């Protein structure tokens, strides 16, 4: 497992909320923009990758007890989304990479941590 802080550093992510949550362990990941799909398929401790920026993403991440949300493609959270994330303690991170590339890098990092491989 990797922590949010390790992932932020390795993937060069920008932290928009949840600065105090960088020690949170990330158990897996989920990529999707359809909220019902994310609610059905993601798990507690996942780091969710999406392009959605509205405040409903915070509600889903809170409901599913996600480790945080990565906004892919340089998307920035809407102001009300950021306010809600800060109130609810949900980390929002921004990646300038595509969702595909971000997910691949996250998968590789978490997989290598689970198997004890490096690099």
Protein backbone atom coordinates (compact mmCIF):
# COMPACT_ATOMS: atom_id res chain seq x y z
CA UNK A 1 0.00 0.00 0.00
CA UNK A 2 1.05 3.54 -0.62
CA UNK A 3 0.05 6.68 1.24
CA UNK A 4 -1.58 9.69 -0.35
CA UNK A 5 1.61 11.67 0.25
CA UNK A 6 3.73 9.10 -1.57
CA UNK A 7 1.29 9.08 -4.48
CA UNK A 8 1.18 12.89 -4.64
CA UNK A 9 4.98 12.97 -4.86
CA UNK A 10 5.34 10.12 -7.36
CA UNK A 11 2.56 11.31 -9.71
CA UNK A 12 3.35 15.03 -9.30
CA UNK A 13 -0.18 15.84 -8.14
CA UNK A 14 -1.40 19.20 -6.86
CA UNK A 15 -3.22 19.07 -3.51
CA UNK A 16 -6.39 21.19 -3.48
CA UNK A 17 -7.86 19.89 -0.20
CA UNK A 18 -7.00 17.35 2.47
CA UNK A 19 -3.44 18.46 3.11
CA UNK A 20 -3.74 16.89 6.57
CA UNK A 21 -4.66 13.48 5.08
CA UNK A 22 -1.37 12.70 3.31
CA UNK A 23 -0.70 9.77 5.66
CA UNK A 24 -3.89 8.00 4.52
CA UNK A 25 -3.23 4.56 3.04
CA UNK A 26 -4.55 3.94 -0.46
CA UNK A 27 -5.78 0.37 -1.01
CA UNK A 28 -6.69 0.61 -4.69
CA UNK A 29 -8.12 2.85 -7.33
CA UNK A 30 -11.19 3.39 -9.44
CA UNK A 31 -11.62 5.39 -12.64
CA UNK A 32 -15.00 6.60 -13.78
CA UNK A 33 -17.23 9.59 -14.36
CA UNK A 34 -20.66 7.98 -13.96
CA UNK A 35 -21.50 8.47 -10.28
CA UNK A 36 -23.76 5.41 -10.04
CA UNK A 37 -20.99 3.24 -11.50
CA UNK A 38 -18.47 4.61 -8.99
CA UNK A 39 -20.90 4.00 -6.13
CA UNK A 40 -21.45 0.40 -7.30
CA UNK A 41 -17.89 -0.53 -8.22
CA UNK A 42 -15.45 1.35 -6.02
CA UNK A 43 -14.30 0.29 -2.58
CA UNK A 44 -13.35 1.85 0.72
CA UNK A 45 -9.78 3.15 0.58
CA UNK A 46 -9.80 3.62 -3.21
CA UNK A 47 -8.37 6.71 -4.84
CA UNK A 48 -11.00 7.76 -7.39
CA UNK A 49 -9.89 9.24 -10.73
CA UNK A 50 -12.46 11.38 -12.56
CA UNK A 51 -13.00 14.45 -14.75
CA UNK A 52 -16.10 15.48 -12.83
CA UNK A 53 -15.66 18.67 -10.82
CA UNK A 54 -19.10 19.26 -9.26
CA UNK A 55 -19.78 18.82 -5.57
CA UNK A 56 -21.57 15.47 -5.98
CA UNK A 57 -18.14 13.82 -6.31
CA UNK A 58 -17.46 14.73 -2.69
CA UNK A 59 -20.72 13.12 -1.59
CA UNK A 60 -19.83 9.88 -3.42
CA UNK A 61 -16.27 9.83 -2.07
CA UNK A 62 -17.57 10.41 1.45
CA UNK A 63 -20.28 7.74 1.11
CA UNK A 64 -17.75 5.17 -0.16
CA UNK A 65 -15.01 6.25 2.29
CA UNK A 66 -12.53 6.82 -0.54
CA UNK A 67 -8.96 7.82 0.26
CA UNK A 68 -9.43 10.81 -2.05
CA UNK A 69 -10.26 12.05 -5.52
CA UNK A 70 -7.88 12.75 -8.40
CA UNK A 71 -9.17 15.16 -11.04
CA UNK A 72 -7.49 14.13 -14.28
CA UNK A 73 -6.50 16.20 -17.29
CA UNK A 74 -5.76 19.30 -15.23
CA UNK A 75 -9.42 19.73 -14.25
CA UNK A 76 -9.91 21.99 -11.25
CA UNK A 77 -12.67 21.58 -8.67
CA UNK A 78 -15.57 24.02 -8.71
CA UNK A 79 -15.50 26.45 -5.78
CA UNK A 80 -18.46 24.80 -4.04
CA UNK A 81 -16.85 21.38 -4.55
CA UNK A 82 -13.66 22.54 -2.87
CA UNK A 83 -15.58 24.06 0.05
CA UNK A 84 -17.54 20.82 0.55
CA UNK A 85 -14.37 18.70 0.31
CA UNK A 86 -12.67 20.80 2.97
CA UNK A 87 -15.73 20.55 5.25
CA UNK A 88 -15.95 16.78 4.82
CA UNK A 89 -12.21 16.08 4.90
CA UNK A 90 -12.02 14.61 1.41
CA UNK A 91 -8.66 15.07 -0.34
CA UNK A 92 -8.92 16.46 -3.86
CA UNK A 93 -5.81 16.14 -6.00
CA UNK A 94 -5.21 17.40 -9.53
CA UNK A 95 -3.23 15.58 -12.22
CA UNK A 96 -2.18 17.21 -15.47
CA UNK A 97 -2.06 13.73 -17.02
CA UNK A 98 -4.99 11.97 -18.68
CA UNK A 99 -7.14 9.62 -16.60
CA UNK A 100 -5.61 6.71 -18.54
CA UNK A 101 -2.03 7.67 -17.74
CA UNK A 102 -2.85 8.59 -14.14
CA UNK A 103 -4.61 5.26 -13.58
CA UNK A 104 -1.71 3.33 -15.09
CA UNK A 105 0.83 5.06 -12.89
CA UNK A 106 -1.33 4.60 -9.79
CA UNK A 107 -1.86 0.91 -10.60
CA UNK A 108 1.85 0.35 -11.08
CA UNK A 109 2.71 2.09 -7.84
CA UNK A 110 0.13 0.26 -5.73
CA UNK A 111 0.91 -3.11 -7.37
CA UNK A 112 4.62 -2.76 -6.72
CA UNK A 113 3.94 -1.80 -3.09
CA UNK A 114 1.71 -4.88 -2.60
CA UNK A 115 4.25 -7.26 -4.10
CA UNK A 116 7.29 -5.56 -2.61
CA UNK A 117 8.75 -4.73 -6.02
CA UNK A 118 10.36 -1.39 -6.69
CA UNK A 119 10.56 0.74 -9.79
